[in-house]
Amino acid sequence: MSIKVKVYNQSATAVKDLELAKEIFAVKANADLLHQAVVAQQANERQVLAHTKDRSEVRGGGKKPWKQKGTGRARVGSSRSPIWVGGGVTFGPTKDRNFSKKLNKKMKQKAIMMALSDKLAQSSLIVLENLEMKEFKTKDFNSMLKAFEKELLPVRRNLLIVNGAKNDKAFYSGRNLKGVDIINPENINIVDLLSHRQVMMTEEGIKALEKNYGKK
């Protein structure tokens, strides 16, 4: 069994119907898996920035400040001691921390299928015949989106476009538009799908997705 959707040209006119594989676009949502996939992606993108030096990393302090006995003061071996001002930090954050989380490849793909299925069920998935620009022109790209906004898209843009092949003219024409992000099928991810209200995919992009995610 397959699902039929309308395919639109760049003038927002329906030109034909396209069958979508139910294995990808009719997957029942699992909130736990979606949450796990989002947490894993965000954790793997997290950068370790905070770092404090321990006593072995602080500069100087190689010489013993004073002799061990006879001064009346407490014994000390190095000015890099954590109890000294300018010394090392005992329990501060370090760059050795690892926030990454492992997620099974099939689980990641299943989560993406769930998100795409939900977009289709909510009428938030638009299929585009192709996405090609004759020249590098943001004005033309914006005019194309305005044609879709009259019927299919909300005026307040929050759109993810999945293009089939790398197209520099389309990418550079649309990348500066507020509320618009353009990616290729190999870069599709759960966070982008869930954080955008509408998803627009080219016919070529859907075929690439079905080839990679379909049953083998």
C-alpha atoms as a PDB file:
ATOM      1  CA  MET A   1       0.000   0.000   0.000  1.00  0.00           C
ATOM      2  CA  SER A   2       1.244   3.498  -0.789  1.00  0.00           C
ATOM      3  CA  ILE A   3       0.239   7.088  -0.103  1.00  0.00           C
ATOM      4  CA  LYS A   4      -0.513   9.627  -2.839  1.00  0.00           C
ATOM      5  CA  VAL A   5       0.400  13.290  -2.550  1.00  0.00           C
ATOM      6  CA  LYS A   6       0.261  16.192  -4.961  1.00  0.00           C
ATOM      7  CA  VAL A   7       3.473  17.426  -6.571  1.00  0.00           C
ATOM      8  CA  TYR A   8       3.789  21.179  -7.173  1.00  0.00           C
ATOM      9  CA  ASN A   9       5.938  23.162  -9.537  1.00  0.00           C
ATOM     10  CA  GLN A  10       7.744  26.344  -8.491  1.00  0.00           C
ATOM     11  CA  SER A  11       4.635  28.389  -9.284  1.00  0.00           C
ATOM     12  CA  ALA A  12       2.714  26.492  -6.562  1.00  0.00           C
ATOM     13  CA  THR A  13       0.576  24.703  -9.166  1.00  0.00           C
ATOM     14  CA  ALA A  14      -0.190  21.001  -8.742  1.00  0.00           C
ATOM     15  CA  VAL A  15       1.191  19.123 -11.760  1.00  0.00           C
ATOM     16  CA  LYS A  16       0.832  15.429 -10.825  1.00  0.00           C
ATOM     17  CA  ASP A  17       0.486  12.884  -8.035  1.00  0.00           C
ATOM     18  CA  LEU A  18       3.313  10.980  -6.393  1.00  0.00           C
ATOM     19  CA  GLU A  19       3.172   7.732  -4.460  1.00  0.00           C
ATOM     20  CA  LEU A  20       5.027   7.687  -1.145  1.00  0.00           C
ATOM     21  CA  ALA A  21       6.218   4.516   0.543  1.00  0.00           C
ATOM     22  CA  LYS A  22       4.193   3.766   3.674  1.00  0.00           C
ATOM     23  CA  GLU A  23       7.350   2.308   5.285  1.00  0.00           C
ATOM     24  CA  ILE A  24       8.669   5.871   5.515  1.00  0.00           C
ATOM     25  CA  PHE A  25       5.660   8.176   5.473  1.00  0.00           C
ATOM     26  CA  ALA A  26       3.156   6.146   7.519  1.00  0.00           C
ATOM     27  CA  VAL A  27       5.134   5.250  10.625  1.00  0.00           C
ATOM     28  CA  LYS A  28       3.378   5.470  13.982  1.00  0.00           C
ATOM     29  CA  ALA A  29       5.019   7.929  16.360  1.00  0.00           C
ATOM     30  CA  ASN A  30       6.840   6.794  19.478  1.00  0.00           C
ATOM     31  CA  ALA A  31       7.428   9.704  21.848  1.00  0.00           C
ATOM     32  CA  ASP A  32      10.171   7.915  23.784  1.00  0.00           C
ATOM     33  CA  LEU A  33      12.213   7.160  20.657  1.00  0.00           C
ATOM     34  CA  LEU A  34      11.769  10.706  19.332  1.00  0.00           C
ATOM     35  CA  HIS A  35      12.955  12.147  22.643  1.00  0.00           C
ATOM     36  CA  GLN A  36      15.937   9.792  22.718  1.00  0.00           C
ATOM     37  CA  ALA A  37      16.927  10.755  19.161  1.00  0.00           C
ATOM     38  CA  VAL A  38      16.690  14.491  19.899  1.00  0.00           C
ATOM     39  CA  VAL A  39      18.716  14.203  23.127  1.00  0.00           C
ATOM     40  CA  ALA A  40      21.384  12.117  21.370  1.00  0.00           C
ATOM     41  CA  GLN A  41      21.788  14.571  18.477  1.00  0.00           C
ATOM     42  CA  GLN A  42      21.960  17.615  20.736  1.00  0.00           C
ATOM     43  CA  ALA A  43      24.421  15.883  23.060  1.00  0.00           C
ATOM     44  CA  ASN A  44      26.679  14.894  20.142  1.00  0.00           C
ATOM     45  CA  GLU A  45      26.682  18.480  18.885  1.00  0.00           C
ATOM     46  CA  ARG A  46      27.577  19.890  22.301  1.00  0.00           C
ATOM     47  CA  GLN A  47      31.010  21.500  22.532  1.00  0.00           C
ATOM     48  CA  VAL A  48      33.164  21.249  25.630  1.00  0.00           C
ATOM     49  CA  LEU A  49      34.237  24.849  26.221  1.00  0.00           C
ATOM     50  CA  ALA A  50      34.698  25.297  29.989  1.00  0.00           C
ATOM     51  CA  HIS A  51      38.102  24.164  31.204  1.00  0.00           C
ATOM     52  CA  THR A  52      40.010  24.922  34.392  1.00  0.00           C
ATOM     53  CA  LYS A  53      43.670  24.078  34.980  1.00  0.00           C
ATOM     54  CA  ASP A  54      44.665  21.678  37.697  1.00  0.00           C
ATOM     55  CA  ARG A  55      47.968  21.995  39.567  1.00  0.00           C
ATOM     56  CA  SER A  56      49.858  20.106  36.848  1.00  0.00           C
ATOM     57  CA  GLU A  57      48.795  22.622  34.172  1.00  0.00           C
ATOM     58  CA  VAL A  58      49.361  25.914  36.022  1.00  0.00           C
ATOM     59  CA  ARG A  59      52.516  27.718  34.946  1.00  0.00           C
ATOM     60  CA  GLY A  60      55.401  28.069  37.429  1.00  0.00           C
ATOM     61  CA  GLY A  61      55.615  26.706  40.948  1.00  0.00           C
ATOM     62  CA  GLY A  62      58.495  24.370  40.257  1.00  0.00           C
ATOM     63  CA  LYS A  63      60.581  25.627  43.164  1.00  0.00           C
ATOM     64  CA  LYS A  64      59.638  24.953  46.772  1.00  0.00           C
ATOM     65  CA  PRO A  65      58.549  28.367  48.213  1.00  0.00           C
ATOM     66  CA  TRP A  66      60.483  27.911  51.462  1.00  0.00           C
ATOM     67  CA  LYS A  67      62.286  25.191  53.341  1.00  0.00           C
ATOM     68  CA  GLN A  68      60.287  22.436  55.000  1.00  0.00           C
ATOM     69  CA  LYS A  69      61.151  23.265  58.624  1.00  0.00           C
ATOM     70  CA  GLY A  70      62.319  26.159  60.774  1.00  0.00           C
ATOM     71  CA  THR A  71      60.256  29.032  59.331  1.00  0.00           C
ATOM     72  CA  GLY A  72      57.209  28.684  61.603  1.00  0.00           C
ATOM     73  CA  ARG A  73      54.940  28.575  58.600  1.00  0.00           C
ATOM     74  CA  ALA A  74      52.961  25.651  57.212  1.00  0.00           C
ATOM     75  CA  ARG A  75      54.879  23.312  54.989  1.00  0.00           C
ATOM     76  CA  VAL A  76      54.224  23.719  51.267  1.00  0.00           C
ATOM     77  CA  GLY A  77      55.746  22.135  48.206  1.00  0.00           C
ATOM     78  CA  SER A  78      54.537  24.321  45.325  1.00  0.00           C
ATOM     79  CA  SER A  79      52.810  27.626  44.649  1.00  0.00           C
ATOM     80  CA  ARG A  80      50.580  25.723  42.224  1.00  0.00           C
ATOM     81  CA  SER A  81      48.749  24.183  45.164  1.00  0.00           C
ATOM     82  CA  PRO A  82      44.924  24.562  44.920  1.00  0.00           C
ATOM     83  CA  ILE A  83      44.849  26.359  48.275  1.00  0.00           C
ATOM     84  CA  TRP A  84      47.067  29.148  46.951  1.00  0.00           C
ATOM     85  CA  VAL A  85      45.764  32.137  44.970  1.00  0.00           C
ATOM     86  CA  GLY A  86      46.732  31.537  41.335  1.00  0.00           C
ATOM     87  CA  GLY A  87      47.110  27.820  41.923  1.00  0.00           C
ATOM     88  CA  GLY A  88      45.290  24.957  40.255  1.00  0.00           C
ATOM     89  CA  VAL A  89      41.561  24.258  40.575  1.00  0.00           C
ATOM     90  CA  THR A  90      40.598  21.040  42.310  1.00  0.00           C
ATOM     91  CA  PHE A  91      37.142  20.118  41.026  1.00  0.00           C
ATOM     92  CA  GLY A  92      36.557  22.531  38.147  1.00  0.00           C
ATOM     93  CA  PRO A  93      35.169  21.593  34.697  1.00  0.00           C
ATOM     94  CA  THR A  94      37.707  20.133  32.264  1.00  0.00           C
ATOM     95  CA  LYS A  95      37.908  19.596  28.508  1.00  0.00           C
ATOM     96  CA  ASP A  96      38.099  15.839  29.088  1.00  0.00           C
ATOM     97  CA  ARG A  97      34.337  15.646  29.649  1.00  0.00           C
ATOM     98  CA  ASN A  98      32.398  13.640  27.063  1.00  0.00           C
ATOM     99  CA  PHE A  99      28.711  14.405  26.484  1.00  0.00           C
ATOM    100  CA  SER A 100      28.232  12.194  23.428  1.00  0.00           C
ATOM    101  CA  LYS A 101      25.473   9.594  23.327  1.00  0.00           C
ATOM    102  CA  LYS A 102      25.315   6.588  21.062  1.00  0.00           C
ATOM    103  CA  LEU A 103      22.140   5.939  19.093  1.00  0.00           C
ATOM    104  CA  ASN A 104      21.557   2.904  16.937  1.00  0.00           C
ATOM    105  CA  LYS A 105      21.452   3.755  13.190  1.00  0.00           C
ATOM    106  CA  LYS A 106      18.075   2.047  12.725  1.00  0.00           C
ATOM    107  CA  MET A 107      16.653   3.926  15.704  1.00  0.00           C
ATOM    108  CA  LYS A 108      17.838   7.231  14.235  1.00  0.00           C
ATOM    109  CA  GLN A 109      16.269   6.428  10.872  1.00  0.00           C
ATOM    110  CA  LYS A 110      13.027   5.305  12.536  1.00  0.00           C
ATOM    111  CA  ALA A 111      12.794   8.596  14.422  1.00  0.00           C
ATOM    112  CA  ILE A 112      13.245  10.541  11.160  1.00  0.00           C
ATOM    113  CA  MET A 113      10.527   8.428   9.518  1.00  0.00           C
ATOM    114  CA  MET A 114       8.190   9.182  12.438  1.00  0.00           C
ATOM    115  CA  ALA A 115       8.810  12.921  12.088  1.00  0.00           C
ATOM    116  CA  LEU A 116       8.192  12.814   8.309  1.00  0.00           C
ATOM    117  CA  SER A 117       5.028  10.758   8.810  1.00  0.00           C
ATOM    118  CA  ASP A 118       3.753  13.297  11.314  1.00  0.00           C
ATOM    119  CA  LYS A 119       4.458  16.190   8.927  1.00  0.00           C
ATOM    120  CA  LEU A 120       2.501  14.401   6.204  1.00  0.00           C
ATOM    121  CA  ALA A 121      -0.396  13.621   8.559  1.00  0.00           C
ATOM    122  CA  GLN A 122      -0.533  17.289   9.637  1.00  0.00           C
ATOM    123  CA  SER A 123      -0.484  18.482   5.986  1.00  0.00           C
ATOM    124  CA  SER A 124       2.850  20.139   6.708  1.00  0.00           C
ATOM    125  CA  LEU A 125       4.794  18.318   3.976  1.00  0.00           C
ATOM    126  CA  ILE A 126       4.914  19.846   0.501  1.00  0.00           C
ATOM    127  CA  VAL A 127       6.388  17.964  -2.448  1.00  0.00           C
ATOM    128  CA  LEU A 128       8.129  20.084  -5.063  1.00  0.00           C
ATOM    129  CA  GLU A 129       8.748  18.839  -8.590  1.00  0.00           C
ATOM    130  CA  ASN A 130      12.213  20.391  -8.583  1.00  0.00           C
ATOM    131  CA  LEU A 131      14.075  23.336  -7.123  1.00  0.00           C
ATOM    132  CA  GLU A 132      16.231  25.122  -9.659  1.00  0.00           C
ATOM    133  CA  MET A 133      17.193  28.776  -9.943  1.00  0.00           C
ATOM    134  CA  LYS A 134      18.424  30.360 -13.152  1.00  0.00           C
ATOM    135  CA  GLU A 135      20.732  32.699 -11.250  1.00  0.00           C
ATOM    136  CA  PHE A 136      21.882  33.608  -7.761  1.00  0.00           C
ATOM    137  CA  LYS A 137      18.922  35.784  -6.805  1.00  0.00           C
ATOM    138  CA  THR A 138      17.243  35.868  -3.399  1.00  0.00           C
ATOM    139  CA  LYS A 139      14.380  37.947  -4.824  1.00  0.00           C
ATOM    140  CA  ASP A 140      13.372  35.133  -7.201  1.00  0.00           C
ATOM    141  CA  PHE A 141      13.537  32.546  -4.433  1.00  0.00           C
ATOM    142  CA  ASN A 142      11.385  34.737  -2.207  1.00  0.00           C
ATOM    143  CA  SER A 143       8.826  35.188  -5.001  1.00  0.00           C
ATOM    144  CA  MET A 144       8.550  31.412  -5.315  1.00  0.00           C
ATOM    145  CA  LEU A 145       7.828  31.048  -1.603  1.00  0.00           C
ATOM    146  CA  LYS A 146       5.250  33.833  -1.703  1.00  0.00           C
ATOM    147  CA  ALA A 147       3.362  31.859  -4.361  1.00  0.00           C
ATOM    148  CA  PHE A 148       3.138  28.926  -1.936  1.00  0.00           C
ATOM    149  CA  GLU A 149       2.195  31.183   0.973  1.00  0.00           C
ATOM    150  CA  LYS A 150      -1.051  32.181  -0.742  1.00  0.00           C
ATOM    151  CA  GLU A 151      -2.434  28.650  -0.401  1.00  0.00           C
ATOM    152  CA  LEU A 152      -0.101  26.162   1.260  1.00  0.00           C
ATOM    153  CA  LEU A 153       2.296  27.921   3.623  1.00  0.00           C
ATOM    154  CA  PRO A 154       1.686  30.173   6.633  1.00  0.00           C
ATOM    155  CA  VAL A 155       2.927  33.738   6.194  1.00  0.00           C
ATOM    156  CA  ARG A 156       5.192  33.416   9.232  1.00  0.00           C
ATOM    157  CA  ARG A 157       7.915  31.284   7.709  1.00  0.00           C
ATOM    158  CA  ASN A 158       9.411  28.333   9.506  1.00  0.00           C
ATOM    159  CA  LEU A 159      10.368  26.174   6.551  1.00  0.00           C
ATOM    160  CA  LEU A 160      12.857  23.346   6.017  1.00  0.00           C
ATOM    161  CA  ILE A 161      13.638  22.623   2.357  1.00  0.00           C
ATOM    162  CA  VAL A 162      15.157  19.251   1.450  1.00  0.00           C
ATOM    163  CA  ASN A 163      16.610  19.478  -2.041  1.00  0.00           C
ATOM    164  CA  GLY A 164      17.530  16.369  -3.994  1.00  0.00           C
ATOM    165  CA  ALA A 165      20.954  17.306  -5.296  1.00  0.00           C
ATOM    166  CA  LYS A 166      23.398  20.002  -4.358  1.00  0.00           C
ATOM    167  CA  ASN A 167      22.281  23.135  -6.171  1.00  0.00           C
ATOM    168  CA  ASP A 168      24.431  26.165  -5.403  1.00  0.00           C
ATOM    169  CA  LYS A 169      22.127  28.671  -7.074  1.00  0.00           C
ATOM    170  CA  ALA A 170      19.121  27.491  -5.056  1.00  0.00           C
ATOM    171  CA  PHE A 171      21.096  27.208  -1.826  1.00  0.00           C
ATOM    172  CA  TYR A 172      22.719  30.642  -1.987  1.00  0.00           C
ATOM    173  CA  SER A 173      19.509  32.283  -3.213  1.00  0.00           C
ATOM    174  CA  GLY A 174      17.508  31.031  -0.243  1.00  0.00           C
ATOM    175  CA  ARG A 175      19.977  30.866   2.617  1.00  0.00           C
ATOM    176  CA  ASN A 176      19.603  34.531   3.626  1.00  0.00           C
ATOM    177  CA  LEU A 177      15.815  34.386   3.893  1.00  0.00           C
ATOM    178  CA  LYS A 178      14.561  34.479   7.469  1.00  0.00           C
ATOM    179  CA  GLY A 179      12.813  31.306   8.571  1.00  0.00           C
ATOM    180  CA  VAL A 180      14.167  29.210   5.672  1.00  0.00           C
ATOM    181  CA  ASP A 181      16.772  26.419   5.901  1.00  0.00           C
ATOM    182  CA  ILE A 182      17.957  24.307   2.955  1.00  0.00           C
ATOM    183  CA  ILE A 183      19.606  20.882   3.323  1.00  0.00           C
ATOM    184  CA  ASN A 184      20.289  17.786   1.218  1.00  0.00           C
ATOM    185  CA  PRO A 185      18.719  14.335   1.929  1.00  0.00           C
ATOM    186  CA  GLU A 186      21.946  13.015   3.455  1.00  0.00           C
ATOM    187  CA  ASN A 187      21.857  15.825   6.028  1.00  0.00           C
ATOM    188  CA  ILE A 188      18.260  15.309   7.132  1.00  0.00           C
ATOM    189  CA  ASN A 189      17.993  15.011  10.918  1.00  0.00           C
ATOM    190  CA  ILE A 190      15.398  14.775  13.658  1.00  0.00           C
ATOM    191  CA  VAL A 191      16.093  18.169  15.259  1.00  0.00           C
ATOM    192  CA  ASP A 192      15.623  20.095  11.997  1.00  0.00           C
ATOM    193  CA  LEU A 193      12.415  18.207  11.195  1.00  0.00           C
ATOM    194  CA  LEU A 194      10.861  18.860  14.589  1.00  0.00           C
ATOM    195  CA  SER A 195      11.992  22.480  14.871  1.00  0.00           C
ATOM    196  CA  HIS A 196      10.411  23.565  11.562  1.00  0.00           C
ATOM    197  CA  ARG A 197       6.653  23.949  11.122  1.00  0.00           C
ATOM    198  CA  GLN A 198       6.678  23.112   7.408  1.00  0.00           C
ATOM    199  CA  VAL A 199       8.856  20.793   5.314  1.00  0.00           C
ATOM    200  CA  MET A 200       9.264  21.113   1.557  1.00  0.00           C
ATOM    201  CA  MET A 201      10.931  18.216  -0.277  1.00  0.00           C
ATOM    202  CA  THR A 202      11.767  17.883  -3.935  1.00  0.00           C
ATOM    203  CA  GLU A 203      10.706  14.756  -5.789  1.00  0.00           C
ATOM    204  CA  GLU A 204      14.369  13.866  -6.224  1.00  0.00           C
ATOM    205  CA  GLY A 205      14.921  14.295  -2.486  1.00  0.00           C
ATOM    206  CA  ILE A 206      12.079  11.896  -1.680  1.00  0.00           C
ATOM    207  CA  LYS A 207      13.463   9.282  -4.063  1.00  0.00           C
ATOM    208  CA  ALA A 208      16.898   9.587  -2.444  1.00  0.00           C
ATOM    209  CA  LEU A 209      15.302   9.217   0.989  1.00  0.00           C
ATOM    210  CA  GLU A 210      13.305   6.143  -0.057  1.00  0.00           C
ATOM    211  CA  LYS A 211      16.440   4.611  -1.533  1.00  0.00           C
ATOM    212  CA  ASN A 212      18.420   5.100   1.701  1.00  0.00           C
ATOM    213  CA  TYR A 213      15.663   4.370   4.225  1.00  0.00           C
ATOM    214  CA  GLY A 214      13.497   1.888   2.322  1.00  0.00           C
ATOM    215  CA  LYS A 215      13.540  -1.842   2.946  1.00  0.00           C
ATOM    216  CA  LYS A 216      16.506  -3.620   1.394  1.00  0.00           C
END
